[in-house]
């Protein structure tokens, strides 16, 4: 059910069109520098927040746990003896 709000929000299409128009005036070098700046800012925010190391550590623990669980499952459900023919 659509909701009619008294506040108008730009459509996604309009927003993307505006971004494309803004980028048209940039040279390829300026565009590349803008991308590099965005990546550097994301990296700086990640490092400043201290969350990156915690995320990597969490991911490593989950990966090790998953491998342990899979090894236990395989050991429990897979018969090491070859099938009798």
PDB file of N, CA and C in Angstrom:
ATOM      1  N   UNK A   1       0.847  -1.166   0.000  1.00  0.00           N
ATOM      2  CA  UNK A   1       0.000   0.000   0.000  1.00  0.00           C
ATOM      3  C   UNK A   1       0.898   1.236   0.000  1.00  0.00           C
ATOM      4  N   UNK A   2       0.817   2.086  -1.027  1.00  0.00           N
ATOM      5  CA  UNK A   2       1.654   3.291  -1.068  1.00  0.00           C
ATOM      6  C   UNK A   2       1.215   4.291  -0.007  1.00  0.00           C
ATOM      7  N   UNK A   3       2.200   4.978   0.521  1.00  0.00           N
ATOM      8  CA  UNK A   3       1.940   5.989   1.544  1.00  0.00           C
ATOM      9  C   UNK A   3       2.207   7.358   0.929  1.00  0.00           C
ATOM     10  N   UNK A   4       1.274   8.263   1.080  1.00  0.00           N
ATOM     11  CA  UNK A   4       1.452   9.626   0.587  1.00  0.00           C
ATOM     12  C   UNK A   4       1.960  10.507   1.713  1.00  0.00           C
ATOM     13  N   UNK A   5       3.215  10.929   1.584  1.00  0.00           N
ATOM     14  CA  UNK A   5       3.815  11.802   2.586  1.00  0.00           C
ATOM     15  C   UNK A   5       3.857  13.228   2.057  1.00  0.00           C
ATOM     16  N   UNK A   6       3.731  14.211   2.935  1.00  0.00           N
ATOM     17  CA  UNK A   6       3.795  15.602   2.480  1.00  0.00           C
ATOM     18  C   UNK A   6       5.222  16.010   2.079  1.00  0.00           C
ATOM     19  N   UNK A   7       6.199  15.185   2.391  1.00  0.00           N
ATOM     20  CA  UNK A   7       7.592  15.478   2.046  1.00  0.00           C
ATOM     21  C   UNK A   7       7.921  14.700   0.781  1.00  0.00           C
ATOM     22  N   UNK A   8       8.506  15.389  -0.198  1.00  0.00           N
ATOM     23  CA  UNK A   8       8.853  14.675  -1.429  1.00  0.00           C
ATOM     24  C   UNK A   8      10.312  14.240  -1.361  1.00  0.00           C
ATOM     25  N   UNK A   9      10.540  13.003  -1.708  1.00  0.00           N
ATOM     26  CA  UNK A   9      11.883  12.460  -1.755  1.00  0.00           C
ATOM     27  C   UNK A   9      12.251  12.263  -3.214  1.00  0.00           C
ATOM     28  N   UNK A  10      13.509  12.536  -3.571  1.00  0.00           N
ATOM     29  CA  UNK A  10      13.889  12.313  -4.975  1.00  0.00           C
ATOM     30  C   UNK A  10      13.865  10.820  -5.288  1.00  0.00           C
ATOM     31  N   UNK A  11      13.474  10.526  -6.489  1.00  0.00           N
ATOM     32  CA  UNK A  11      13.453   9.120  -6.892  1.00  0.00           C
ATOM     33  C   UNK A  11      14.889   8.645  -7.093  1.00  0.00           C
ATOM     34  N   UNK A  12      15.075   7.356  -7.063  1.00  0.00           N
ATOM     35  CA  UNK A  12      16.408   6.791  -7.286  1.00  0.00           C
ATOM     36  C   UNK A  12      16.895   7.153  -8.687  1.00  0.00           C
ATOM     37  N   UNK A  13      15.971   7.148  -9.642  1.00  0.00           N
ATOM     38  CA  UNK A  13      16.326   7.512 -11.014  1.00  0.00           C
ATOM     39  C   UNK A  13      16.833   8.948 -11.084  1.00  0.00           C
ATOM     40  N   UNK A  14      16.144   9.869 -10.427  1.00  0.00           N
ATOM     41  CA  UNK A  14      16.552  11.273 -10.431  1.00  0.00           C
ATOM     42  C   UNK A  14      17.903  11.444  -9.754  1.00  0.00           C
ATOM     43  N   UNK A  15      18.119  10.725  -8.667  1.00  0.00           N
ATOM     44  CA  UNK A  15      19.387  10.824  -7.949  1.00  0.00           C
ATOM     45  C   UNK A  15      20.542  10.325  -8.814  1.00  0.00           C
ATOM     46  N   UNK A  16      20.330   9.186  -9.476  1.00  0.00           N
ATOM     47  CA  UNK A  16      21.379   8.648 -10.335  1.00  0.00           C
ATOM     48  C   UNK A  16      21.635   9.551 -11.542  1.00  0.00           C
ATOM     49  N   UNK A  17      20.567  10.130 -12.073  1.00  0.00           N
ATOM     50  CA  UNK A  17      20.725  11.037 -13.203  1.00  0.00           C
ATOM     51  C   UNK A  17      21.532  12.265 -12.788  1.00  0.00           C
ATOM     52  N   UNK A  18      21.256  12.796 -11.607  1.00  0.00           N
ATOM     53  CA  UNK A  18      22.006  13.948 -11.106  1.00  0.00           C
ATOM     54  C   UNK A  18      23.485  13.598 -10.909  1.00  0.00           C
ATOM     55  N   UNK A  19      23.756  12.421 -10.358  1.00  0.00           N
ATOM     56  CA  UNK A  19      25.142  11.990 -10.172  1.00  0.00           C
ATOM     57  C   UNK A  19      25.858  11.851 -11.516  1.00  0.00           C
ATOM     58  N   UNK A  20      25.159  11.291 -12.496  1.00  0.00           N
ATOM     59  CA  UNK A  20      25.756  11.139 -13.821  1.00  0.00           C
ATOM     60  C   UNK A  20      26.049  12.494 -14.451  1.00  0.00           C
ATOM     61  N   UNK A  21      25.136  13.437 -14.306  1.00  0.00           N
ATOM     62  CA  UNK A  21      25.346  14.776 -14.852  1.00  0.00           C
ATOM     63  C   UNK A  21      26.515  15.469 -14.172  1.00  0.00           C
ATOM     64  N   UNK A  22      26.643  15.290 -12.863  1.00  0.00           N
ATOM     65  CA  UNK A  22      27.769  15.884 -12.138  1.00  0.00           C
ATOM     66  C   UNK A  22      29.095  15.288 -12.604  1.00  0.00           C
ATOM     67  N   UNK A  23      29.098  13.993 -12.894  1.00  0.00           N
ATOM     68  CA  UNK A  23      30.324  13.321 -13.301  1.00  0.00           C
ATOM     69  C   UNK A  23      30.712  13.632 -14.742  1.00  0.00           C
ATOM     70  N   UNK A  24      29.764  14.099 -15.553  1.00  0.00           N
ATOM     71  CA  UNK A  24      30.071  14.377 -16.954  1.00  0.00           C
ATOM     72  C   UNK A  24      31.100  15.479 -17.115  1.00  0.00           C
ATOM     73  N   UNK A  25      31.140  16.407 -16.206  1.00  0.00           N
ATOM     74  CA  UNK A  25      32.083  17.520 -16.311  1.00  0.00           C
ATOM     75  C   UNK A  25      33.485  17.176 -15.839  1.00  0.00           C
ATOM     76  N   UNK A  26      33.675  15.989 -15.303  1.00  0.00           N
ATOM     77  CA  UNK A  26      34.989  15.609 -14.784  1.00  0.00           C
ATOM     78  C   UNK A  26      35.829  14.937 -15.862  1.00  0.00           C
ATOM     79  N   UNK A  27      37.136  15.183 -15.775  1.00  0.00           N
ATOM     80  CA  UNK A  27      38.048  14.481 -16.677  1.00  0.00           C
ATOM     81  C   UNK A  27      38.248  13.067 -16.151  1.00  0.00           C
ATOM     82  N   UNK A  28      38.755  12.168 -16.995  1.00  0.00           N
ATOM     83  CA  UNK A  28      39.036  10.815 -16.503  1.00  0.00           C
ATOM     84  C   UNK A  28      39.971  10.806 -15.297  1.00  0.00           C
ATOM     85  N   UNK A  29      40.941  11.680 -15.289  1.00  0.00           N
ATOM     86  CA  UNK A  29      41.867  11.758 -14.153  1.00  0.00           C
ATOM     87  C   UNK A  29      41.133  12.188 -12.893  1.00  0.00           C
ATOM     88  N   UNK A  30      40.257  13.177 -13.018  1.00  0.00           N
ATOM     89  CA  UNK A  30      39.482  13.632 -11.859  1.00  0.00           C
ATOM     90  C   UNK A  30      38.570  12.519 -11.339  1.00  0.00           C
ATOM     91  N   UNK A  31      37.992  11.758 -12.243  1.00  0.00           N
ATOM     92  CA  UNK A  31      37.128  10.644 -11.830  1.00  0.00           C
ATOM     93  C   UNK A  31      37.930   9.588 -11.077  1.00  0.00           C
ATOM     94  N   UNK A  32      39.102   9.263 -11.601  1.00  0.00           N
ATOM     95  CA  UNK A  32      39.961   8.278 -10.950  1.00  0.00           C
ATOM     96  C   UNK A  32      40.401   8.763  -9.576  1.00  0.00           C
ATOM     97  N   UNK A  33      40.746  10.033  -9.479  1.00  0.00           N
ATOM     98  CA  UNK A  33      41.137  10.595  -8.181  1.00  0.00           C
ATOM     99  C   UNK A  33      39.977  10.587  -7.195  1.00  0.00           C
ATOM    100  N   UNK A  34      38.773  10.814  -7.679  1.00  0.00           N
ATOM    101  CA  UNK A  34      37.598  10.781  -6.804  1.00  0.00           C
ATOM    102  C   UNK A  34      37.383   9.370  -6.251  1.00  0.00           C
ATOM    103  N   UNK A  35      37.562   8.373  -7.101  1.00  0.00           N
ATOM    104  CA  UNK A  35      37.427   6.986  -6.643  1.00  0.00           C
ATOM    105  C   UNK A  35      38.512   6.662  -5.627  1.00  0.00           C
ATOM    106  N   UNK A  36      39.747   7.069  -5.918  1.00  0.00           N
ATOM    107  CA  UNK A  36      40.850   6.824  -4.995  1.00  0.00           C
ATOM    108  C   UNK A  36      40.605   7.512  -3.656  1.00  0.00           C
ATOM    109  N   UNK A  37      40.081   8.723  -3.686  1.00  0.00           N
ATOM    110  CA  UNK A  37      39.769   9.447  -2.450  1.00  0.00           C
ATOM    111  C   UNK A  37      38.692   8.722  -1.642  1.00  0.00           C
ATOM    112  N   UNK A  38      37.671   8.227  -2.329  1.00  0.00           N
ATOM    113  CA  UNK A  38      36.599   7.507  -1.629  1.00  0.00           C
ATOM    114  C   UNK A  38      37.134   6.236  -0.982  1.00  0.00           C
ATOM    115  N   UNK A  39      37.982   5.505  -1.702  1.00  0.00           N
ATOM    116  CA  UNK A  39      38.569   4.287  -1.133  1.00  0.00           C
ATOM    117  C   UNK A  39      39.474   4.603   0.054  1.00  0.00           C
ATOM    118  N   UNK A  40      40.243   5.668  -0.058  1.00  0.00           N
ATOM    119  CA  UNK A  40      41.124   6.064   1.043  1.00  0.00           C
ATOM    120  C   UNK A  40      40.307   6.479   2.265  1.00  0.00           C
ATOM    121  N   UNK A  41      39.214   7.197   2.033  1.00  0.00           N
ATOM    122  CA  UNK A  41      38.361   7.602   3.152  1.00  0.00           C
ATOM    123  C   UNK A  41      37.740   6.396   3.832  1.00  0.00           C
ATOM    124  N   UNK A  42      37.290   5.419   3.047  1.00  0.00           N
ATOM    125  CA  UNK A  42      36.705   4.208   3.630  1.00  0.00           C
ATOM    126  C   UNK A  42      37.738   3.450   4.441  1.00  0.00           C
ATOM    127  N   UNK A  43      38.941   3.353   3.926  1.00  0.00           N
ATOM    128  CA  UNK A  43      40.025   2.660   4.640  1.00  0.00           C
ATOM    129  C   UNK A  43      40.366   3.393   5.939  1.00  0.00           C
ATOM    130  N   UNK A  44      40.420   4.719   5.878  1.00  0.00           N
ATOM    131  CA  UNK A  44      40.739   5.507   7.072  1.00  0.00           C
ATOM    132  C   UNK A  44      39.649   5.364   8.133  1.00  0.00           C
ATOM    133  N   UNK A  45      38.393   5.385   7.704  1.00  0.00           N
ATOM    134  CA  UNK A  45      37.295   5.219   8.653  1.00  0.00           C
ATOM    135  C   UNK A  45      37.322   3.831   9.285  1.00  0.00           C
ATOM    136  N   UNK A  46      37.620   2.851   8.476  1.00  0.00           N
ATOM    137  CA  UNK A  46      37.683   1.480   8.980  1.00  0.00           C
ATOM    138  C   UNK A  46      38.802   1.336   9.998  1.00  0.00           C
ATOM    139  N   UNK A  47      39.963   1.881   9.688  1.00  0.00           N
ATOM    140  CA  UNK A  47      41.100   1.786  10.604  1.00  0.00           C
ATOM    141  C   UNK A  47      40.858   2.611  11.864  1.00  0.00           C
ATOM    142  N   UNK A  48      40.278   3.790  11.709  1.00  0.00           N
ATOM    143  CA  UNK A  48      40.041   4.664  12.861  1.00  0.00           C
ATOM    144  C   UNK A  48      39.022   4.066  13.818  1.00  0.00           C
ATOM    145  N   UNK A  49      38.071   3.356  13.281  1.00  0.00           N
ATOM    146  CA  UNK A  49      37.043   2.757  14.122  1.00  0.00           C
ATOM    147  C   UNK A  49      37.521   1.517  14.848  1.00  0.00           C
ATOM    148  N   UNK A  50      38.644   0.968  14.410  1.00  0.00           N
ATOM    149  CA  UNK A  50      39.168  -0.227  15.041  1.00  0.00           C
ATOM    150  C   UNK A  50      38.335  -1.466  14.760  1.00  0.00           C
ATOM    151  N   UNK A  51      37.403  -1.349  13.872  1.00  0.00           N
ATOM    152  CA  UNK A  51      36.500  -2.476  13.637  1.00  0.00           C
ATOM    153  C   UNK A  51      37.086  -3.477  12.644  1.00  0.00           C
ATOM    154  N   UNK A  52      37.998  -3.022  11.798  1.00  0.00           N
ATOM    155  CA  UNK A  52      38.539  -3.911  10.769  1.00  0.00           C
ATOM    156  C   UNK A  52      39.223  -5.132  11.389  1.00  0.00           C
ATOM    157  N   UNK A  53      40.095  -4.892  12.362  1.00  0.00           N
ATOM    158  CA  UNK A  53      40.785  -6.014  13.006  1.00  0.00           C
ATOM    159  C   UNK A  53      39.793  -6.936  13.695  1.00  0.00           C
ATOM    160  N   UNK A  54      38.797  -6.350  14.328  1.00  0.00           N
ATOM    161  CA  UNK A  54      37.786  -7.157  15.007  1.00  0.00           C
ATOM    162  C   UNK A  54      36.994  -7.980  13.993  1.00  0.00           C
ATOM    163  N   UNK A  55      36.669  -7.400  12.841  1.00  0.00           N
ATOM    164  CA  UNK A  55      35.943  -8.129  11.806  1.00  0.00           C
ATOM    165  C   UNK A  55      36.770  -9.286  11.267  1.00  0.00           C
ATOM    166  N   UNK A  56      38.041  -9.035  11.007  1.00  0.00           N
ATOM    167  CA  UNK A  56      38.908 -10.091  10.492  1.00  0.00           C
ATOM    168  C   UNK A  56      39.069 -11.213  11.516  1.00  0.00           C
ATOM    169  N   UNK A  57      39.210 -10.832  12.762  1.00  0.00           N
ATOM    170  CA  UNK A  57      39.343 -11.825  13.829  1.00  0.00           C
ATOM    171  C   UNK A  57      38.062 -12.655  13.958  1.00  0.00           C
ATOM    172  N   UNK A  58      36.918 -11.990  13.914  1.00  0.00           N
ATOM    173  CA  UNK A  58      35.628 -12.677  13.999  1.00  0.00           C
ATOM    174  C   UNK A  58      35.474 -13.650  12.827  1.00  0.00           C
ATOM    175  N   UNK A  59      35.805 -13.172  11.633  1.00  0.00           N
ATOM    176  CA  UNK A  59      35.694 -14.015  10.446  1.00  0.00           C
ATOM    177  C   UNK A  59      36.590 -15.246  10.581  1.00  0.00           C
ATOM    178  N   UNK A  60      37.808 -15.056  11.058  1.00  0.00           N
ATOM    179  CA  UNK A  60      38.731 -16.179  11.220  1.00  0.00           C
ATOM    180  C   UNK A  60      38.193 -17.198  12.223  1.00  0.00           C
ATOM    181  N   UNK A  61      37.630 -16.725  13.324  1.00  0.00           N
ATOM    182  CA  UNK A  61      37.064 -17.637  14.326  1.00  0.00           C
ATOM    183  C   UNK A  61      35.896 -18.422  13.745  1.00  0.00           C
ATOM    184  N   UNK A  62      35.017 -17.746  12.999  1.00  0.00           N
ATOM    185  CA  UNK A  62      33.879 -18.436  12.379  1.00  0.00           C
ATOM    186  C   UNK A  62      34.358 -19.467  11.365  1.00  0.00           C
ATOM    187  N   UNK A  63      35.371 -19.123  10.590  1.00  0.00           N
ATOM    188  CA  UNK A  63      35.908 -20.050   9.600  1.00  0.00           C
ATOM    189  C   UNK A  63      36.484 -21.296  10.279  1.00  0.00           C
ATOM    190  N   UNK A  64      37.239 -21.097  11.346  1.00  0.00           N
ATOM    191  CA  UNK A  64      37.810 -22.234  12.076  1.00  0.00           C
ATOM    192  C   UNK A  64      36.711 -23.100  12.692  1.00  0.00           C
ATOM    193  N   UNK A  65      35.679 -22.456  13.230  1.00  0.00           N
ATOM    194  CA  UNK A  65      34.570 -23.205  13.819  1.00  0.00           C
ATOM    195  C   UNK A  65      33.833 -24.015  12.749  1.00  0.00           C
ATOM    196  N   UNK A  66      33.592 -23.408  11.592  1.00  0.00           N
ATOM    197  CA  UNK A  66      32.917 -24.094  10.497  1.00  0.00           C
ATOM    198  C   UNK A  66      33.726 -25.307  10.047  1.00  0.00           C
ATOM    199  N   UNK A  67      35.037 -25.147   9.912  1.00  0.00           N
ATOM    200  CA  UNK A  67      35.883 -26.269   9.500  1.00  0.00           C
ATOM    201  C   UNK A  67      35.848 -27.393  10.531  1.00  0.00           C
ATOM    202  N   UNK A  68      35.868 -27.047  11.812  1.00  0.00           N
ATOM    203  CA  UNK A  68      35.805 -28.052  12.871  1.00  0.00           C
ATOM    204  C   UNK A  68      34.480 -28.811  12.808  1.00  0.00           C
ATOM    205  N   UNK A  69      33.393 -28.069  12.649  1.00  0.00           N
ATOM    206  CA  UNK A  69      32.066 -28.699  12.584  1.00  0.00           C
ATOM    207  C   UNK A  69      31.972 -29.625  11.376  1.00  0.00           C
ATOM    208  N   UNK A  70      32.471 -29.189  10.223  1.00  0.00           N
ATOM    209  CA  UNK A  70      32.422 -30.018   9.022  1.00  0.00           C
ATOM    210  C   UNK A  70      33.263 -31.280   9.194  1.00  0.00           C
ATOM    211  N   UNK A  71      34.424 -31.161   9.808  1.00  0.00           N
ATOM    212  CA  UNK A  71      35.266 -32.342  10.038  1.00  0.00           C
ATOM    213  C   UNK A  71      34.561 -33.335  10.953  1.00  0.00           C
ATOM    214  N   UNK A  72      33.913 -32.831  11.996  1.00  0.00           N
ATOM    215  CA  UNK A  72      33.166 -33.708  12.898  1.00  0.00           C
ATOM    216  C   UNK A  72      32.006 -34.381  12.166  1.00  0.00           C
ATOM    217  N   UNK A  73      31.300 -33.636  11.351  1.00  0.00           N
ATOM    218  CA  UNK A  73      30.178 -34.174  10.592  1.00  0.00           C
ATOM    219  C   UNK A  73      30.640 -35.286   9.648  1.00  0.00           C
ATOM    220  N   UNK A  74      31.717 -35.012   8.927  1.00  0.00           N
ATOM    221  CA  UNK A  74      32.235 -36.001   7.979  1.00  0.00           C
ATOM    222  C   UNK A  74      32.706 -37.249   8.720  1.00  0.00           C
ATOM    223  N   UNK A  75      33.410 -37.047   9.832  1.00  0.00           N
ATOM    224  CA  UNK A  75      33.893 -38.194  10.606  1.00  0.00           C
ATOM    225  C   UNK A  75      32.723 -39.028  11.137  1.00  0.00           C
ATOM    226  N   UNK A  76      31.648 -38.390  11.475  1.00  0.00           N
ATOM    227  CA  UNK A  76      30.500 -39.089  12.045  1.00  0.00           C
ATOM    228  C   UNK A  76      29.663 -39.805  10.986  1.00  0.00           C
ATOM    229  N   UNK A  77      29.522 -39.202   9.806  1.00  0.00           N
ATOM    230  CA  UNK A  77      28.573 -39.705   8.813  1.00  0.00           C
ATOM    231  C   UNK A  77      29.196 -40.402   7.608  1.00  0.00           C
ATOM    232  N   UNK A  78      30.484 -40.344   7.477  1.00  0.00           N
ATOM    233  CA  UNK A  78      31.112 -40.983   6.326  1.00  0.00           C
ATOM    234  C   UNK A  78      31.859 -42.219   6.827  1.00  0.00           C
ATOM    235  N   UNK A  79      31.500 -43.348   6.279  1.00  0.00           N
ATOM    236  CA  UNK A  79      32.124 -44.614   6.664  1.00  0.00           C
ATOM    237  C   UNK A  79      33.468 -44.737   5.955  1.00  0.00           C
ATOM    238  N   UNK A  80      34.562 -44.889   6.711  1.00  0.00           N
ATOM    239  CA  UNK A  80      35.873 -44.933   6.078  1.00  0.00           C
ATOM    240  C   UNK A  80      36.137 -46.242   5.324  1.00  0.00           C
ATOM    241  N   UNK A  81      35.294 -47.269   5.536  1.00  0.00           N
ATOM    242  CA  UNK A  81      35.487 -48.532   4.849  1.00  0.00           C
ATOM    243  C   UNK A  81      34.958 -48.451   3.417  1.00  0.00           C
ATOM    244  N   UNK A  82      35.649 -49.081   2.486  1.00  0.00           N
ATOM    245  CA  UNK A  82      35.147 -49.055   1.095  1.00  0.00           C
ATOM    246  C   UNK A  82      33.877 -49.914   1.006  1.00  0.00           C
ATOM    247  N   UNK A  83      32.991 -49.601   0.086  1.00  0.00           N
ATOM    248  CA  UNK A  83      31.754 -50.379  -0.056  1.00  0.00           C
ATOM    249  C   UNK A  83      32.056 -51.802  -0.512  1.00  0.00           C
ATOM    250  N   UNK A  84      31.263 -52.735  -0.011  1.00  0.00           N
ATOM    251  CA  UNK A  84      31.410 -54.139  -0.378  1.00  0.00           C
ATOM    252  C   UNK A  84      30.627 -54.388  -1.656  1.00  0.00           C
ATOM    253  N   UNK A  85      31.290 -55.003  -2.622  1.00  0.00           N
ATOM    254  CA  UNK A  85      30.606 -55.278  -3.897  1.00  0.00           C
ATOM    255  C   UNK A  85      30.294 -56.729  -4.025  1.00  0.00           C
TER     256      UNK A  85
END
